[in-house]
């Protein structure tokens, strides 16, 4: 993301001066807390005061708690660059952050209230973000990025479906990896955002760094191949949401895996080893084609469905979140674009979490160890990010400007 062109006069807390600050910080804290709570809850060591089942709560808070915070932080910072309008800051930003936090509390304590009340509070956040983003895109005449607002709408619909399924209004009791449409809608929307936004920023940042630091082969300029690969991916994700175990879905997912792998290989990621901030973007995107391949295999009953789900959820979403947060937080606060040792450890930890979680799915005899390694590594990754970036996100710019 390029620097925001214009700023309104603002003398409040730095935390609420840019959209990325509260959502990157709160979302990362919640990512660590939620998994820290879920593992002992999953093994029956603690009981959470939620009306959701333990697995429903875990999945919901990753897909519709953590992920929307990451998406909102990015969009509220990127949209002013796209539209040339002033960024959201101060009281409106505080309200949005408060609504997000209220949703987390409402879901966690829904056993003390009701699923209906928790759903109403939780659903309000994505609706408000969609309205705010849509208003800015339309007011700025930036029609190209209306598709991002469309994906926010898909998130909101997926969240509603998740609540209806969790409460038994629709669907009844299902195998979460096959029958729970709310899971696949949310995760599919997240992967689609990574393909759209990542498809812009990964080759762009790579090209800029290579041209300056390592002249030679550069990423291929986006062309019709990228459009075709993305359209095929959209169709395959839609098929996966509707019919995750159909042979036709497996074929589409396998085709998307191949196309996304080719797309990824065209970005010269193998030449970025010296800059960890650029390299981690490529590592994160690599889990997109891997997820397509594993979900294709799951559709043919070759691997458990949770392998592909977690390749996308932990690998693509988790790693890309850390990659984008660490880079954007430095750039937008006037700091050098250099990955600190703590950030690099966080990158290693989230990749370890992904691999351990996939192994736990593929090899059931390793499930106990794999789940613990994955959970501890995930908590470590986001805990390290919070520790390393707390002052960056909550404090003033490096130059001391408010």
Protein backbone atom coordinates (compact mmCIF):
# COMPACT_ATOMS: atom_id res chain seq x y z
CA UNK A 1 0.00 0.00 0.00
CA UNK A 2 1.29 3.45 -0.89
CA UNK A 3 1.27 6.26 1.70
CA UNK A 4 -2.12 7.82 2.27
CA UNK A 5 -2.19 11.10 0.28
CA UNK A 6 -4.22 13.27 2.65
CA UNK A 7 -5.01 13.38 6.36
CA UNK A 8 -7.58 15.22 8.39
CA UNK A 9 -6.54 17.14 11.49
CA UNK A 10 -6.48 14.62 14.34
CA UNK A 11 -5.23 15.01 17.89
CA UNK A 12 -6.69 11.90 19.52
CA UNK A 13 -4.96 8.65 20.52
CA UNK A 14 -2.61 7.41 17.77
CA UNK A 15 -4.31 3.99 17.98
CA UNK A 16 -7.36 5.44 16.24
CA UNK A 17 -5.58 7.60 13.66
CA UNK A 18 -5.56 4.90 10.95
CA UNK A 19 -7.78 1.91 10.26
CA UNK A 20 -4.95 -0.61 10.41
CA UNK A 21 -3.90 0.29 13.95
CA UNK A 22 -6.79 -0.93 16.14
CA UNK A 23 -7.77 -3.86 13.93
CA UNK A 24 -4.29 -5.26 13.37
CA UNK A 25 -3.56 -5.00 17.09
CA UNK A 26 -6.88 -6.26 18.45
CA UNK A 27 -7.20 -8.94 15.79
CA UNK A 28 -3.73 -10.30 16.57
CA UNK A 29 -4.37 -10.31 20.30
CA UNK A 30 -7.63 -12.16 19.72
CA UNK A 31 -5.94 -14.65 17.36
CA UNK A 32 -3.61 -15.67 20.18
CA UNK A 33 -6.25 -15.63 22.94
CA UNK A 34 -8.86 -17.57 20.96
CA UNK A 35 -6.53 -20.45 20.12
CA UNK A 36 -5.10 -20.34 23.64
CA UNK A 37 -8.63 -20.88 24.96
CA UNK A 38 -9.74 -23.36 22.33
CA UNK A 39 -7.07 -26.04 22.81
CA UNK A 40 -7.86 -26.73 26.51
CA UNK A 41 -11.58 -26.42 25.72
CA UNK A 42 -11.23 -28.98 22.92
CA UNK A 43 -9.60 -31.46 25.30
CA UNK A 44 -12.22 -30.83 28.01
CA UNK A 45 -9.89 -29.06 30.42
CA UNK A 46 -11.98 -25.87 30.58
CA UNK A 47 -15.57 -24.95 29.69
CA UNK A 48 -16.24 -21.76 27.74
CA UNK A 49 -19.43 -19.77 28.49
CA UNK A 50 -20.60 -19.93 24.87
CA UNK A 51 -23.80 -21.48 23.54
CA UNK A 52 -21.83 -22.60 20.48
CA UNK A 53 -20.27 -26.03 20.46
CA UNK A 54 -16.54 -25.85 21.15
CA UNK A 55 -15.69 -26.53 17.50
CA UNK A 56 -18.26 -24.00 16.23
CA UNK A 57 -16.84 -21.31 18.51
CA UNK A 58 -13.28 -22.01 17.38
CA UNK A 59 -14.14 -21.95 13.68
CA UNK A 60 -16.37 -18.89 13.98
CA UNK A 61 -13.85 -16.81 15.86
CA UNK A 62 -11.14 -17.54 13.32
CA UNK A 63 -13.30 -17.01 10.23
CA UNK A 64 -15.66 -14.28 11.41
CA UNK A 65 -13.73 -12.72 14.28
CA UNK A 66 -10.01 -12.71 13.49
CA UNK A 67 -10.19 -12.67 9.67
CA UNK A 68 -12.64 -9.72 9.36
CA UNK A 69 -10.42 -7.70 11.71
CA UNK A 70 -7.47 -8.29 9.38
CA UNK A 71 -9.53 -7.49 6.28
CA UNK A 72 -10.99 -4.35 7.86
CA UNK A 73 -7.60 -3.06 8.95
CA UNK A 74 -6.26 -3.51 5.44
CA UNK A 75 -9.26 -2.05 3.63
CA UNK A 76 -9.64 1.03 5.84
CA UNK A 77 -6.00 1.83 5.07
CA UNK A 78 -6.04 0.92 1.37
CA UNK A 79 -9.36 2.49 0.34
CA UNK A 80 -8.17 6.11 0.87
CA UNK A 81 -5.28 5.32 -1.49
CA UNK A 82 -7.72 3.93 -4.05
CA UNK A 83 -10.19 6.82 -3.78
CA UNK A 84 -8.10 9.84 -2.74
CA UNK A 85 -10.54 10.48 0.12
CA UNK A 86 -9.73 11.02 3.78
CA UNK A 87 -9.24 7.89 5.92
CA UNK A 88 -11.66 6.87 8.65
CA UNK A 89 -10.26 7.93 12.02
CA UNK A 90 -11.28 9.06 15.49
CA UNK A 91 -14.83 8.45 16.69
CA UNK A 92 -16.12 6.45 13.67
CA UNK A 93 -13.11 4.16 13.92
CA UNK A 94 -13.62 3.75 17.67
CA UNK A 95 -17.26 2.79 17.06
CA UNK A 96 -16.27 0.17 14.48
CA UNK A 97 -13.63 -1.30 16.79
CA UNK A 98 -16.11 -1.35 19.69
CA UNK A 99 -18.70 -3.19 17.60
CA UNK A 100 -16.08 -5.78 16.61
CA UNK A 101 -15.09 -6.27 20.26
CA UNK A 102 -18.73 -6.48 21.33
CA UNK A 103 -19.20 -9.30 18.82
CA UNK A 104 -16.33 -11.28 20.32
CA UNK A 105 -17.70 -10.84 23.84
CA UNK A 106 -21.27 -11.64 22.77
CA UNK A 107 -20.25 -14.89 21.08
CA UNK A 108 -18.01 -15.97 23.97
CA UNK A 109 -20.70 -15.30 26.60
CA UNK A 110 -23.72 -16.43 24.58
CA UNK A 111 -24.52 -19.17 27.09
CA UNK A 112 -25.43 -16.37 29.51
CA UNK A 113 -27.57 -14.51 26.96
CA UNK A 114 -28.78 -16.25 23.81
CA UNK A 115 -27.59 -17.27 20.37
CA UNK A 116 -29.99 -14.76 18.82
CA UNK A 117 -28.60 -11.84 20.79
CA UNK A 118 -25.00 -12.92 20.06
CA UNK A 119 -25.79 -13.23 16.36
CA UNK A 120 -27.34 -9.75 16.20
CA UNK A 121 -24.33 -8.13 17.84
CA UNK A 122 -21.83 -10.13 15.81
CA UNK A 123 -23.51 -9.61 12.43
CA UNK A 124 -23.59 -5.82 12.90
CA UNK A 125 -19.84 -5.48 12.38
CA UNK A 126 -19.52 -6.76 8.82
CA UNK A 127 -22.64 -4.83 7.81
CA UNK A 128 -21.12 -1.59 9.12
CA UNK A 129 -17.75 -2.26 7.49
CA UNK A 130 -19.44 -3.04 4.19
CA UNK A 131 -21.48 0.17 4.33
CA UNK A 132 -18.42 2.26 5.24
CA UNK A 133 -16.28 0.70 2.50
CA UNK A 134 -19.05 0.93 -0.08
CA UNK A 135 -19.69 4.59 0.69
CA UNK A 136 -16.02 5.47 0.22
CA UNK A 137 -15.60 3.50 -3.00
CA UNK A 138 -18.75 4.97 -4.54
CA UNK A 139 -18.04 8.53 -3.34
CA UNK A 140 -14.53 8.29 -4.78
CA UNK A 141 -15.80 6.90 -8.09
CA UNK A 142 -13.45 3.94 -7.67
CA UNK A 143 -15.73 1.42 -9.36
CA UNK A 144 -12.93 -1.06 -9.99
CA UNK A 145 -12.78 -1.91 -6.30
CA UNK A 146 -16.51 -2.45 -5.79
CA UNK A 147 -15.73 -6.16 -6.11
CA UNK A 148 -13.96 -5.94 -2.74
CA UNK A 149 -17.19 -4.59 -1.20
CA UNK A 150 -18.95 -7.51 -2.88
CA UNK A 151 -16.63 -9.95 -1.10
CA UNK A 152 -17.42 -8.21 2.21
CA UNK A 153 -21.08 -8.91 1.46
CA UNK A 154 -20.22 -12.57 0.94
CA UNK A 155 -18.50 -12.58 4.35
CA UNK A 156 -21.64 -11.13 5.94
CA UNK A 157 -23.87 -13.72 4.24
CA UNK A 158 -21.52 -16.50 5.30
CA UNK A 159 -21.60 -15.28 8.89
CA UNK A 160 -25.41 -15.26 8.85
CA UNK A 161 -25.47 -18.79 7.44
CA UNK A 162 -22.97 -19.90 10.10
CA UNK A 163 -25.21 -18.55 12.87
CA UNK A 164 -28.30 -20.20 11.39
CA UNK A 165 -26.47 -23.53 11.13
CA UNK A 166 -24.97 -23.28 14.61
CA UNK A 167 -28.40 -22.60 16.12
CA UNK A 168 -30.01 -25.44 14.15
CA UNK A 169 -32.36 -23.18 12.20
CA UNK A 170 -31.00 -24.62 8.96
CA UNK A 171 -29.06 -27.74 8.19
CA UNK A 172 -29.31 -29.58 11.49
CA UNK A 173 -26.22 -31.44 12.68
CA UNK A 174 -23.51 -31.81 10.06
CA UNK A 175 -19.97 -32.95 9.64
CA UNK A 176 -18.21 -29.57 9.85
CA UNK A 177 -15.92 -30.38 6.94
CA UNK A 178 -18.76 -31.34 4.57
CA UNK A 179 -22.13 -29.94 5.61
CA UNK A 180 -21.31 -26.60 7.23
CA UNK A 181 -21.81 -24.10 4.42
CA UNK A 182 -20.98 -21.10 6.63
CA UNK A 183 -17.43 -22.38 7.03
CA UNK A 184 -16.80 -22.76 3.32
CA UNK A 185 -18.43 -19.43 2.41
CA UNK A 186 -16.21 -17.51 4.86
CA UNK A 187 -13.04 -19.35 4.01
CA UNK A 188 -13.75 -19.16 0.28
CA UNK A 189 -14.25 -15.39 0.55
CA UNK A 190 -10.97 -15.09 2.44
CA UNK A 191 -9.05 -17.05 -0.18
CA UNK A 192 -10.64 -14.99 -2.95
CA UNK A 193 -9.51 -11.78 -1.25
CA UNK A 194 -5.97 -13.14 -1.00
CA UNK A 195 -6.01 -13.97 -4.71
CA UNK A 196 -7.31 -10.50 -5.64
CA UNK A 197 -5.28 -8.34 -3.24
CA UNK A 198 -2.28 -10.66 -3.03
CA UNK A 199 -2.28 -10.85 -6.81
CA UNK A 200 -1.62 -7.10 -6.80
CA UNK A 201 0.73 -6.56 -3.89
CA UNK A 202 2.97 -9.64 -4.06
CA UNK A 203 4.31 -9.06 -7.60
CA UNK A 204 4.28 -5.28 -7.10
CA UNK A 205 6.37 -5.28 -3.91
CA UNK A 206 8.61 -7.98 -5.40
CA UNK A 207 9.22 -5.97 -8.56
CA UNK A 208 10.05 -2.84 -6.57
CA UNK A 209 12.54 -4.64 -4.34
CA UNK A 210 14.20 -6.64 -7.14
CA UNK A 211 14.59 -3.59 -9.39
CA UNK A 212 16.34 -1.79 -6.54
CA UNK A 213 18.30 -4.56 -4.80
CA UNK A 214 18.65 -7.58 -7.07
CA UNK A 215 18.40 -6.67 -10.79
CA UNK A 216 17.53 -9.49 -13.14
CA UNK A 217 14.41 -11.57 -13.69
CA UNK A 218 11.30 -9.70 -12.55
CA UNK A 219 7.72 -10.82 -11.86
CA UNK A 220 5.59 -11.21 -14.97
CA UNK A 221 3.27 -8.25 -15.41
CA UNK A 222 -0.35 -9.31 -14.67
CA UNK A 223 -2.13 -10.25 -17.90
CA UNK A 224 -5.01 -12.33 -19.22
CA UNK A 225 -3.59 -15.47 -17.63
CA UNK A 226 -4.13 -13.97 -14.18
CA UNK A 227 -7.72 -13.09 -15.07
CA UNK A 228 -8.42 -16.62 -16.34
CA UNK A 229 -6.76 -18.23 -13.30
CA UNK A 230 -8.82 -16.06 -10.94
CA UNK A 231 -12.10 -16.73 -12.76
CA UNK A 232 -11.49 -20.48 -12.70
CA UNK A 233 -10.69 -20.20 -8.99
CA UNK A 234 -13.96 -18.36 -8.34
CA UNK A 235 -15.92 -21.12 -10.11
CA UNK A 236 -14.05 -23.88 -8.28
CA UNK A 237 -14.58 -22.22 -4.89
CA UNK A 238 -18.31 -21.83 -5.63
CA UNK A 239 -18.46 -25.54 -6.55
CA UNK A 240 -16.56 -26.44 -3.39
CA UNK A 241 -18.99 -24.44 -1.25
CA UNK A 242 -22.02 -26.11 -2.83
CA UNK A 243 -20.76 -29.66 -3.52
CA UNK A 244 -17.46 -30.27 -1.71
CA UNK A 245 -17.33 -34.00 -2.49
CA UNK A 246 -18.39 -34.03 -6.15
CA UNK A 247 -16.01 -35.39 -8.78
CA UNK A 248 -16.58 -32.28 -10.90
CA UNK A 249 -15.57 -30.13 -7.91
CA UNK A 250 -12.37 -32.15 -7.52
CA UNK A 251 -11.52 -31.54 -11.18
CA UNK A 252 -12.13 -27.79 -10.88
CA UNK A 253 -10.09 -27.56 -7.67
CA UNK A 254 -7.21 -29.49 -9.24
CA UNK A 255 -7.27 -27.18 -12.27
CA UNK A 256 -7.22 -24.16 -9.97
CA UNK A 257 -4.31 -25.65 -8.03
CA UNK A 258 -2.31 -25.91 -11.25
CA UNK A 259 -3.25 -22.43 -12.49
CA UNK A 260 -2.52 -20.76 -9.15
CA UNK A 261 0.81 -22.60 -8.88
CA UNK A 262 1.79 -21.30 -12.34
CA UNK A 263 0.64 -17.80 -11.41
CA UNK A 264 2.67 -17.96 -8.19
CA UNK A 265 5.78 -19.22 -10.02
CA UNK A 266 5.69 -16.20 -12.37
CA UNK A 267 6.35 -13.76 -9.48
CA UNK A 268 10.09 -14.51 -9.02
CA UNK A 269 9.73 -15.29 -5.34
CA UNK A 270 12.82 -17.49 -5.45
CA UNK A 271 14.90 -14.29 -5.89
CA UNK A 272 13.67 -12.58 -2.69
CA UNK A 273 15.46 -14.55 0.04
CA UNK A 274 17.39 -11.50 1.28
CA UNK A 275 14.25 -9.50 2.14
CA UNK A 276 12.07 -11.38 4.60
CA UNK A 277 9.21 -8.86 4.28
CA UNK A 278 8.94 -9.72 0.59
CA UNK A 279 9.73 -13.41 0.93
CA UNK A 280 6.96 -14.04 3.47
CA UNK A 281 4.38 -12.71 1.01
CA UNK A 282 5.39 -15.48 -1.39
CA UNK A 283 5.41 -18.13 1.34
CA UNK A 284 1.89 -17.07 2.32
CA UNK A 285 0.58 -17.21 -1.24
CA UNK A 286 2.09 -20.68 -1.76
CA UNK A 287 -0.59 -22.07 0.55
CA UNK A 288 -3.30 -20.97 -1.90
CA UNK A 289 -2.48 -23.56 -4.61
CA UNK A 290 -1.62 -26.10 -1.89
CA UNK A 291 -5.08 -25.60 -0.39
CA UNK A 292 -6.72 -26.09 -3.79
CA UNK A 293 -4.75 -29.32 -4.28
CA UNK A 294 -5.60 -30.70 -0.83
CA UNK A 295 -9.27 -29.83 -1.19
CA UNK A 296 -9.29 -31.55 -4.57
CA UNK A 297 -7.79 -34.64 -2.92
CA UNK A 298 -10.37 -34.41 -0.12
CA UNK A 299 -13.20 -34.32 -2.65
CA UNK A 300 -11.92 -37.70 -3.86
CA UNK A 301 -11.57 -39.01 -0.27
CA UNK A 302 -7.79 -39.18 -0.60
CA UNK A 303 -7.13 -36.98 2.45
CA UNK A 304 -9.35 -35.64 5.27
CA UNK A 305 -11.16 -32.41 4.39
CA UNK A 306 -9.59 -30.58 7.33
CA UNK A 307 -6.19 -30.75 5.62
CA UNK A 308 -7.27 -28.41 2.83
CA UNK A 309 -9.31 -26.23 5.18
CA UNK A 310 -6.29 -25.58 7.38
CA UNK A 311 -3.87 -25.11 4.48
CA UNK A 312 -6.03 -22.14 3.58
CA UNK A 313 -7.12 -21.00 7.06
CA UNK A 314 -3.81 -21.29 8.91
CA UNK A 315 -1.39 -21.16 5.99
CA UNK A 316 -2.82 -18.68 3.48
CA UNK A 317 -4.93 -16.53 5.84
CA UNK A 318 -2.69 -16.66 8.91
CA UNK A 319 0.62 -16.20 7.11
CA UNK A 320 -0.67 -13.52 4.72
CA UNK A 321 -2.14 -11.65 7.68
CA UNK A 322 1.24 -11.51 9.42
CA UNK A 323 2.99 -10.61 6.16
CA UNK A 324 0.65 -7.72 5.35
CA UNK A 325 0.37 -6.47 8.94
CA UNK A 326 4.10 -6.33 9.55
CA UNK A 327 4.82 -4.52 6.27
CA UNK A 328 1.88 -2.08 6.37
CA UNK A 329 2.41 -1.22 10.04
CA UNK A 330 6.03 -0.23 9.40
CA UNK A 331 5.36 1.67 6.19
CA UNK A 332 2.40 3.66 7.49
CA UNK A 333 4.16 4.73 10.69
CA UNK A 334 7.29 6.06 9.01
CA UNK A 335 9.57 3.15 9.87
CA UNK A 336 12.08 1.27 7.75
CA UNK A 337 10.72 -1.73 5.87
CA UNK A 338 12.87 -4.30 7.64
CA UNK A 339 11.60 -7.49 9.29
CA UNK A 340 12.83 -7.56 12.89
CA UNK A 341 14.11 -10.81 14.45
CA UNK A 342 10.81 -11.10 16.35
CA UNK A 343 8.83 -10.72 13.11
CA UNK A 344 10.94 -13.36 11.42
CA UNK A 345 10.34 -15.74 14.32
CA UNK A 346 6.63 -15.04 13.99
CA UNK A 347 6.81 -15.98 10.29
CA UNK A 348 8.57 -19.26 11.12
CA UNK A 349 6.04 -20.01 13.85
CA UNK A 350 2.95 -19.53 11.67
CA UNK A 351 4.43 -21.72 8.92
CA UNK A 352 5.23 -24.37 11.55
CA UNK A 353 1.65 -24.11 12.83
CA UNK A 354 0.32 -24.70 9.32
CA UNK A 355 2.49 -27.72 8.62
CA UNK A 356 1.74 -29.25 12.03
CA UNK A 357 -2.01 -28.75 11.57
CA UNK A 358 -1.97 -30.33 8.11
CA UNK A 359 0.02 -33.27 9.44
CA UNK A 360 -2.45 -33.68 12.31
CA UNK A 361 -5.24 -33.94 9.73
CA UNK A 362 -3.46 -36.29 7.33
CA UNK A 363 -1.99 -38.57 10.02
CA UNK A 364 -4.59 -39.15 12.76
CA UNK A 365 -2.03 -40.98 14.91
CA UNK A 366 -0.16 -37.68 15.17
CA UNK A 367 -3.28 -35.64 15.94
CA UNK A 368 -2.62 -35.02 19.64
CA UNK A 369 0.95 -33.86 19.13
CA UNK A 370 0.14 -32.05 15.90
CA UNK A 371 -2.74 -30.07 17.40
CA UNK A 372 -0.63 -28.97 20.35
CA UNK A 373 2.33 -27.96 18.19
CA UNK A 374 0.03 -26.08 15.81
CA UNK A 375 -1.77 -24.26 18.62
CA UNK A 376 1.39 -23.30 20.49
CA UNK A 377 3.10 -22.16 17.29
CA UNK A 378 0.07 -20.06 16.27
CA UNK A 379 -0.14 -18.40 19.69
CA UNK A 380 3.62 -17.78 19.57
CA UNK A 381 3.38 -16.25 16.09
CA UNK A 382 0.71 -13.71 16.95
CA UNK A 383 2.07 -13.16 20.45
CA UNK A 384 5.43 -12.25 18.93
CA UNK A 385 3.75 -9.89 16.51
CA UNK A 386 1.86 -8.13 19.31
CA UNK A 387 5.02 -7.82 21.41
CA UNK A 388 7.09 -6.49 18.52
CA UNK A 389 4.46 -4.15 17.05
CA UNK A 390 2.48 -2.89 20.03
CA UNK A 391 4.34 0.43 20.17
CA UNK A 392 4.29 0.69 16.37
CA UNK A 393 0.49 0.36 16.28
CA UNK A 394 -0.46 2.18 19.48
CA UNK A 395 2.19 4.92 19.45
CA UNK A 396 2.94 7.94 17.25
CA UNK A 397 4.74 7.83 13.94
CA UNK A 398 8.48 7.30 14.12
CA UNK A 399 9.03 11.00 13.39
CA UNK A 400 6.81 11.93 16.34
CA UNK A 401 3.95 13.29 14.24
CA UNK A 402 0.42 12.57 15.60
